Protein backbone atom coordinates (compact mmCIF):
# COMPACT_ATOMS: atom_id res chain seq x y z
CA UNK A 1 0.00 0.00 0.00
CA UNK A 2 2.79 2.39 0.88
CA UNK A 3 4.60 1.85 -2.42
CA UNK A 4 1.40 2.40 -4.38
CA UNK A 5 0.73 5.61 -2.47
CA UNK A 6 4.25 6.90 -3.13
CA UNK A 7 3.90 6.10 -6.83
CA UNK A 8 0.57 7.97 -6.91
CA UNK A 9 2.08 10.95 -5.06
CA UNK A 10 5.12 11.30 -7.29
CA UNK A 11 2.97 10.97 -10.43
CA UNK A 12 1.03 14.10 -9.41
CA UNK A 13 3.99 16.37 -10.02
CA UNK A 14 5.85 17.38 -13.15
CA UNK A 15 9.16 18.15 -11.40
CA UNK A 16 11.56 16.15 -9.24
CA UNK A 17 11.10 18.42 -6.20
CA UNK A 18 7.32 17.85 -6.10
CA UNK A 19 6.55 21.55 -6.30
CA UNK A 20 4.72 21.85 -9.64
CA UNK A 21 1.50 19.89 -10.03
CA UNK A 22 0.89 18.51 -13.52
CA UNK A 23 -1.30 20.98 -15.38
CA UNK A 24 -3.93 18.41 -16.37
CA UNK A 25 -4.72 17.50 -12.74
CA UNK A 26 -7.75 19.36 -11.41
CA UNK A 27 -9.15 16.86 -8.92
CA UNK A 28 -7.38 14.51 -6.51
CA UNK A 29 -9.23 11.78 -4.62
CA UNK A 30 -7.34 9.86 -1.94
CA UNK A 31 -9.08 7.02 -0.11
CA UNK A 32 -7.84 6.36 3.44
CA UNK A 33 -4.09 6.54 2.77
CA UNK A 34 -2.93 5.69 6.30
CA UNK A 35 -5.35 3.02 7.51
CA UNK A 36 -2.92 0.11 7.30
CA UNK A 37 0.31 1.88 8.26
CA UNK A 38 2.40 1.83 11.42
CA UNK A 39 2.91 5.08 13.36
CA UNK A 40 6.18 6.11 11.70
CA UNK A 41 4.87 5.66 8.17
CA UNK A 42 1.52 7.19 9.13
CA UNK A 43 3.29 10.40 10.19
CA UNK A 44 5.30 10.52 6.96
CA UNK A 45 2.24 9.94 4.75
CA UNK A 46 0.20 12.56 6.61
CA UNK A 47 2.99 15.06 5.96
CA UNK A 48 2.82 14.19 2.25
CA UNK A 49 -0.95 14.63 2.31
CA UNK A 50 -0.53 18.11 3.77
CA UNK A 51 1.61 18.96 0.78
CA UNK A 52 -1.08 17.63 -1.57
CA UNK A 53 -3.59 19.96 0.12
CA UNK A 54 -1.40 22.89 -0.91
CA UNK A 55 -1.64 21.91 -4.58
CA UNK A 56 -3.71 23.97 -6.98
CA UNK A 57 -6.40 21.30 -7.34
CA UNK A 58 -9.53 20.23 -5.54
CA UNK A 59 -8.62 17.49 -3.05
CA UNK A 60 -10.93 14.89 -1.51
CA UNK A 61 -9.28 12.83 1.20
CA UNK A 62 -11.49 10.09 2.61
CA UNK A 63 -10.63 8.69 6.02
CA UNK A 64 -12.14 6.78 8.94
CA UNK A 65 -9.83 8.45 11.41
CA UNK A 66 -11.14 11.54 13.19
CA UNK A 67 -7.65 12.55 14.36
CA UNK A 68 -6.25 12.33 10.82
CA UNK A 69 -9.15 14.38 9.52
CA UNK A 70 -8.58 17.06 12.16
CA UNK A 71 -4.85 17.18 11.57
CA UNK A 72 -5.31 17.60 7.83
CA UNK A 73 -8.35 19.83 7.60
CA UNK A 74 -8.25 22.31 10.47
CA UNK A 75 -4.97 23.77 9.27
CA UNK A 76 -6.76 25.06 6.18
CA UNK A 77 -9.83 26.58 7.82
CA UNK A 78 -10.11 30.30 8.32
CA UNK A 79 -9.92 31.47 11.93
CA UNK A 80 -12.16 34.51 11.47
CA UNK A 81 -15.52 35.06 13.15
CA UNK A 82 -17.12 35.37 9.70
CA UNK A 83 -17.19 31.56 9.52
CA UNK A 84 -19.67 31.50 12.40
CA UNK A 85 -22.26 33.66 10.62
């Protein structure tokens, strides 16, 4: 699973530094990337997923883990009071 995920991740980018997303990619769907991983690999993959969130594409990351969801999604929410209106 880990090798397949790494292959998928590196195929998203057009450069070796994984900074430029391929122009034809507009939507990324990732289904539970860390469910079968140990803690060390889970941390590494979550860090990669954070980088995917920064890409200029719409990202859907499906997970069964509340803590993974919180770690990935709350970083990208606005902290203004306007969200409460």
